[in-house]
Amino acid sequence: MPWFVKTERFTTQTLSLLPAQRQAYLAAHRAWVKGLISSGIKVSSGYLVDAEQRPGGGGLFVLKADSFEAARRLVEQDPMIVEGLVDWNLQEWIPVCGELIA
């Protein structure tokens, strides 16, 4: 089963939200990810930070799916995407060496 990587960045709309509002959407995203994990889907989600550990570089979501279309359908269910709070890109990732080859 192939791996896929979704990259994302907050939209300007999201950046204009109050921190408490952003946190509510992020909590919904985390609950969605935990639900996927509980259902047996191989996923990992997180955000990027700079050298001083400051967030703002966007996020990564890595998943296994049967096809690009299956990965896209799953990713489009992310509450952050449903609400239009991130600009995102999905690509298949072909690992060449390392622990994730199998």
N, C-alpha and C. Protein backbone atom coordinates (compact mmCIF):
# COMPACT_ATOMS: atom_id res chain seq x y z
N MET A 1 0.85 -1.17 0.00
CA MET A 1 0.00 0.00 0.00
C MET A 1 0.90 1.24 0.00
N PRO A 2 0.65 2.19 -0.89
CA PRO A 2 1.53 3.36 -0.98
C PRO A 2 1.34 4.36 0.17
N TRP A 3 2.39 5.15 0.37
CA TRP A 3 2.38 6.24 1.33
C TRP A 3 2.00 7.53 0.62
N PHE A 4 1.36 8.44 1.35
CA PHE A 4 1.00 9.76 0.82
C PHE A 4 1.35 10.80 1.87
N VAL A 5 1.69 12.00 1.40
CA VAL A 5 2.02 13.11 2.28
C VAL A 5 1.16 14.31 1.90
N LYS A 6 0.46 14.84 2.89
CA LYS A 6 -0.28 16.09 2.69
C LYS A 6 0.50 17.18 3.41
N THR A 7 0.82 18.25 2.70
CA THR A 7 1.41 19.42 3.32
C THR A 7 0.32 20.48 3.40
N GLU A 8 0.42 21.34 4.40
CA GLU A 8 -0.60 22.37 4.55
C GLU A 8 -0.05 23.60 5.22
N ARG A 9 -0.72 24.72 4.97
CA ARG A 9 -0.42 25.99 5.63
C ARG A 9 -1.74 26.65 5.94
N PHE A 10 -1.79 27.34 7.10
CA PHE A 10 -3.00 28.09 7.44
C PHE A 10 -3.30 29.12 6.37
N THR A 11 -4.57 29.34 6.09
CA THR A 11 -5.00 30.42 5.21
C THR A 11 -4.94 31.73 5.99
N THR A 12 -5.01 32.85 5.29
CA THR A 12 -5.04 34.14 5.99
C THR A 12 -6.29 34.25 6.85
N GLN A 13 -7.39 33.61 6.44
CA GLN A 13 -8.61 33.58 7.24
C GLN A 13 -8.32 32.93 8.60
N THR A 14 -7.60 31.84 8.59
CA THR A 14 -7.29 31.13 9.83
C THR A 14 -6.39 31.97 10.73
N LEU A 15 -5.41 32.62 10.13
CA LEU A 15 -4.47 33.43 10.92
C LEU A 15 -5.18 34.60 11.58
N SER A 16 -6.32 35.02 11.03
CA SER A 16 -7.05 36.14 11.61
C SER A 16 -7.96 35.71 12.76
N LEU A 17 -8.13 34.40 12.96
CA LEU A 17 -8.95 33.91 14.07
C LEU A 17 -8.26 34.16 15.40
N LEU A 18 -9.05 34.28 16.44
CA LEU A 18 -8.48 34.36 17.78
C LEU A 18 -7.84 33.02 18.12
N PRO A 19 -6.79 33.04 18.94
CA PRO A 19 -6.12 31.78 19.28
C PRO A 19 -7.08 30.71 19.81
N ALA A 20 -8.04 31.07 20.63
CA ALA A 20 -8.99 30.09 21.16
C ALA A 20 -9.82 29.46 20.04
N GLN A 21 -10.16 30.25 19.03
CA GLN A 21 -10.91 29.71 17.89
C GLN A 21 -10.05 28.72 17.11
N ARG A 22 -8.80 29.08 16.86
CA ARG A 22 -7.88 28.17 16.15
C ARG A 22 -7.72 26.88 16.93
N GLN A 23 -7.59 26.98 18.25
CA GLN A 23 -7.41 25.79 19.08
C GLN A 23 -8.60 24.85 18.99
N ALA A 24 -9.79 25.40 18.87
CA ALA A 24 -10.99 24.55 18.74
C ALA A 24 -10.93 23.75 17.44
N TYR A 25 -10.53 24.38 16.36
CA TYR A 25 -10.41 23.66 15.09
C TYR A 25 -9.28 22.63 15.14
N LEU A 26 -8.18 22.99 15.77
CA LEU A 26 -7.06 22.04 15.91
C LEU A 26 -7.46 20.84 16.76
N ALA A 27 -8.27 21.07 17.78
CA ALA A 27 -8.75 19.96 18.61
C ALA A 27 -9.63 19.02 17.78
N ALA A 28 -10.47 19.59 16.91
CA ALA A 28 -11.31 18.76 16.03
C ALA A 28 -10.44 17.95 15.08
N HIS A 29 -9.38 18.56 14.57
CA HIS A 29 -8.44 17.85 13.69
C HIS A 29 -7.79 16.69 14.43
N ARG A 30 -7.30 16.95 15.65
CA ARG A 30 -6.64 15.88 16.43
C ARG A 30 -7.61 14.74 16.74
N ALA A 31 -8.86 15.08 17.05
CA ALA A 31 -9.86 14.03 17.32
C ALA A 31 -10.11 13.20 16.06
N TRP A 32 -10.14 13.85 14.90
CA TRP A 32 -10.31 13.15 13.63
C TRP A 32 -9.15 12.19 13.38
N VAL A 33 -7.92 12.67 13.60
CA VAL A 33 -6.73 11.83 13.41
C VAL A 33 -6.77 10.64 14.37
N LYS A 34 -7.09 10.87 15.62
CA LYS A 34 -7.17 9.78 16.60
C LYS A 34 -8.22 8.75 16.18
N GLY A 35 -9.33 9.21 15.60
CA GLY A 35 -10.35 8.29 15.11
C GLY A 35 -9.83 7.43 13.97
N LEU A 36 -9.04 8.03 13.07
CA LEU A 36 -8.45 7.26 11.97
C LEU A 36 -7.52 6.19 12.53
N ILE A 37 -6.69 6.57 13.49
CA ILE A 37 -5.76 5.63 14.10
C ILE A 37 -6.52 4.49 14.76
N SER A 38 -7.58 4.84 15.49
CA SER A 38 -8.39 3.82 16.16
C SER A 38 -9.02 2.85 15.18
N SER A 39 -9.30 3.32 13.97
CA SER A 39 -9.91 2.45 12.96
C SER A 39 -8.88 1.64 12.18
N GLY A 40 -7.58 1.79 12.53
CA GLY A 40 -6.54 0.98 11.91
C GLY A 40 -5.84 1.61 10.73
N ILE A 41 -6.16 2.85 10.41
CA ILE A 41 -5.50 3.53 9.29
C ILE A 41 -4.14 4.04 9.75
N LYS A 42 -3.11 3.78 8.95
CA LYS A 42 -1.75 4.22 9.28
C LYS A 42 -1.61 5.69 8.92
N VAL A 43 -1.55 6.55 9.95
CA VAL A 43 -1.40 7.99 9.75
C VAL A 43 -0.48 8.56 10.81
N SER A 44 0.08 9.71 10.49
CA SER A 44 0.83 10.50 11.45
C SER A 44 0.64 11.95 11.08
N SER A 45 0.44 12.79 12.06
CA SER A 45 0.13 14.20 11.79
C SER A 45 0.93 15.07 12.74
N GLY A 46 1.38 16.22 12.26
CA GLY A 46 2.11 17.14 13.12
C GLY A 46 2.36 18.46 12.42
N TYR A 47 3.02 19.36 13.13
CA TYR A 47 3.30 20.68 12.57
C TYR A 47 4.80 20.95 12.57
N LEU A 48 5.19 21.90 11.77
CA LEU A 48 6.60 22.24 11.59
C LEU A 48 6.96 23.46 12.43
N VAL A 49 8.17 23.45 12.97
CA VAL A 49 8.68 24.58 13.76
C VAL A 49 10.05 24.98 13.22
N ASP A 50 10.46 26.21 13.56
CA ASP A 50 11.77 26.68 13.12
C ASP A 50 12.84 26.31 14.16
N ALA A 51 14.05 26.85 13.99
CA ALA A 51 15.18 26.51 14.86
C ALA A 51 14.93 26.89 16.31
N GLU A 52 14.04 27.86 16.54
CA GLU A 52 13.71 28.28 17.91
C GLU A 52 12.42 27.63 18.40
N GLN A 53 11.97 26.57 17.71
CA GLN A 53 10.76 25.83 18.08
C GLN A 53 9.47 26.64 17.93
N ARG A 54 9.50 27.68 17.06
CA ARG A 54 8.29 28.48 16.83
C ARG A 54 7.51 27.85 15.68
N PRO A 55 6.20 27.60 15.91
CA PRO A 55 5.38 27.06 14.82
C PRO A 55 5.15 28.12 13.76
N GLY A 56 4.62 27.70 12.65
CA GLY A 56 4.31 28.64 11.57
C GLY A 56 4.76 28.13 10.22
N GLY A 57 5.44 27.00 10.19
CA GLY A 57 5.93 26.45 8.95
C GLY A 57 4.94 25.54 8.25
N GLY A 58 3.77 25.37 8.83
CA GLY A 58 2.77 24.51 8.23
C GLY A 58 2.71 23.15 8.92
N GLY A 59 2.02 22.24 8.28
CA GLY A 59 1.85 20.93 8.87
C GLY A 59 2.08 19.82 7.86
N LEU A 60 2.28 18.62 8.39
CA LEU A 60 2.45 17.42 7.58
C LEU A 60 1.48 16.35 8.06
N PHE A 61 0.95 15.61 7.13
CA PHE A 61 0.06 14.50 7.43
C PHE A 61 0.50 13.36 6.52
N VAL A 62 0.94 12.27 7.12
CA VAL A 62 1.45 11.13 6.36
C VAL A 62 0.48 9.98 6.56
N LEU A 63 0.11 9.30 5.47
CA LEU A 63 -0.85 8.22 5.57
C LEU A 63 -0.58 7.15 4.53
N LYS A 64 -1.09 5.96 4.81
CA LYS A 64 -1.09 4.87 3.85
C LYS A 64 -2.51 4.74 3.31
N ALA A 65 -2.61 4.54 2.00
CA ALA A 65 -3.92 4.37 1.37
C ALA A 65 -3.76 3.49 0.14
N ASP A 66 -4.87 2.94 -0.32
CA ASP A 66 -4.84 2.04 -1.48
C ASP A 66 -4.49 2.77 -2.78
N SER A 67 -4.85 4.06 -2.86
CA SER A 67 -4.63 4.80 -4.10
C SER A 67 -4.60 6.30 -3.79
N PHE A 68 -4.20 7.07 -4.79
CA PHE A 68 -4.19 8.52 -4.63
C PHE A 68 -5.61 9.01 -4.35
N GLU A 69 -6.59 8.49 -5.07
CA GLU A 69 -7.97 8.91 -4.88
C GLU A 69 -8.47 8.57 -3.48
N ALA A 70 -8.12 7.39 -2.98
CA ALA A 70 -8.52 7.01 -1.63
C ALA A 70 -7.88 7.95 -0.60
N ALA A 71 -6.62 8.29 -0.80
CA ALA A 71 -5.93 9.22 0.10
C ALA A 71 -6.60 10.59 0.03
N ARG A 72 -6.91 11.06 -1.17
CA ARG A 72 -7.56 12.36 -1.33
C ARG A 72 -8.91 12.40 -0.63
N ARG A 73 -9.70 11.35 -0.82
CA ARG A 73 -11.03 11.31 -0.18
C ARG A 73 -10.89 11.36 1.35
N LEU A 74 -9.91 10.66 1.88
CA LEU A 74 -9.71 10.66 3.32
C LEU A 74 -9.26 12.04 3.80
N VAL A 75 -8.28 12.62 3.13
CA VAL A 75 -7.75 13.92 3.51
C VAL A 75 -8.84 15.00 3.45
N GLU A 76 -9.72 14.91 2.49
CA GLU A 76 -10.78 15.92 2.35
C GLU A 76 -11.78 15.88 3.50
N GLN A 77 -11.71 14.86 4.35
CA GLN A 77 -12.57 14.78 5.53
C GLN A 77 -11.98 15.49 6.74
N ASP A 78 -10.73 15.91 6.64
CA ASP A 78 -10.06 16.62 7.74
C ASP A 78 -10.88 17.88 8.07
N PRO A 79 -11.26 18.07 9.33
CA PRO A 79 -12.03 19.26 9.69
C PRO A 79 -11.36 20.58 9.27
N MET A 80 -10.04 20.62 9.26
CA MET A 80 -9.35 21.85 8.85
C MET A 80 -9.59 22.13 7.36
N ILE A 81 -9.70 21.08 6.57
CA ILE A 81 -9.96 21.24 5.14
C ILE A 81 -11.44 21.53 4.91
N VAL A 82 -12.29 20.79 5.60
CA VAL A 82 -13.74 21.00 5.46
C VAL A 82 -14.10 22.46 5.74
N GLU A 83 -13.45 23.06 6.74
CA GLU A 83 -13.73 24.45 7.10
C GLU A 83 -12.96 25.46 6.26
N GLY A 84 -12.09 24.98 5.35
CA GLY A 84 -11.33 25.89 4.49
C GLY A 84 -10.25 26.66 5.22
N LEU A 85 -9.70 26.07 6.28
CA LEU A 85 -8.73 26.78 7.11
C LEU A 85 -7.28 26.55 6.70
N VAL A 86 -7.04 25.63 5.76
CA VAL A 86 -5.68 25.39 5.29
C VAL A 86 -5.67 25.28 3.77
N ASP A 87 -4.58 25.75 3.18
CA ASP A 87 -4.27 25.44 1.79
C ASP A 87 -3.43 24.18 1.85
N TRP A 88 -3.68 23.23 0.98
CA TRP A 88 -3.01 21.93 1.11
C TRP A 88 -2.63 21.36 -0.25
N ASN A 89 -1.73 20.39 -0.17
CA ASN A 89 -1.26 19.68 -1.34
C ASN A 89 -1.04 18.22 -0.94
N LEU A 90 -1.45 17.31 -1.80
CA LEU A 90 -1.29 15.89 -1.53
C LEU A 90 -0.40 15.28 -2.60
N GLN A 91 0.55 14.47 -2.17
CA GLN A 91 1.43 13.77 -3.10
C GLN A 91 1.68 12.36 -2.61
N GLU A 92 1.87 11.45 -3.55
CA GLU A 92 2.32 10.12 -3.16
C GLU A 92 3.79 10.22 -2.83
N TRP A 93 4.21 9.48 -1.82
CA TRP A 93 5.61 9.46 -1.41
C TRP A 93 6.13 8.05 -1.61
N ILE A 94 7.24 7.94 -2.31
CA ILE A 94 7.84 6.64 -2.57
C ILE A 94 9.13 6.56 -1.77
N PRO A 95 9.11 5.89 -0.61
CA PRO A 95 10.34 5.78 0.18
C PRO A 95 11.35 4.89 -0.54
N VAL A 96 12.59 5.31 -0.51
CA VAL A 96 13.66 4.59 -1.19
C VAL A 96 14.51 3.80 -0.20
N CYS A 97 14.72 4.36 0.99
CA CYS A 97 15.44 3.62 2.02
C CYS A 97 14.95 4.11 3.37
N GLY A 98 15.14 3.30 4.40
CA GLY A 98 14.71 3.69 5.74
C GLY A 98 13.68 2.72 6.29
N GLU A 99 13.18 3.05 7.46
CA GLU A 99 12.28 2.18 8.19
C GLU A 99 10.91 2.00 7.56
N LEU A 100 10.47 2.94 6.74
CA LEU A 100 9.12 2.87 6.22
C LEU A 100 8.98 2.08 4.93
N ILE A 101 10.05 1.43 4.52
CA ILE A 101 9.98 0.57 3.33
C ILE A 101 9.48 -0.79 3.76
N ALA A 102 8.39 -1.19 3.17
CA ALA A 102 7.83 -2.53 3.43
C ALA A 102 6.45 -2.63 2.85
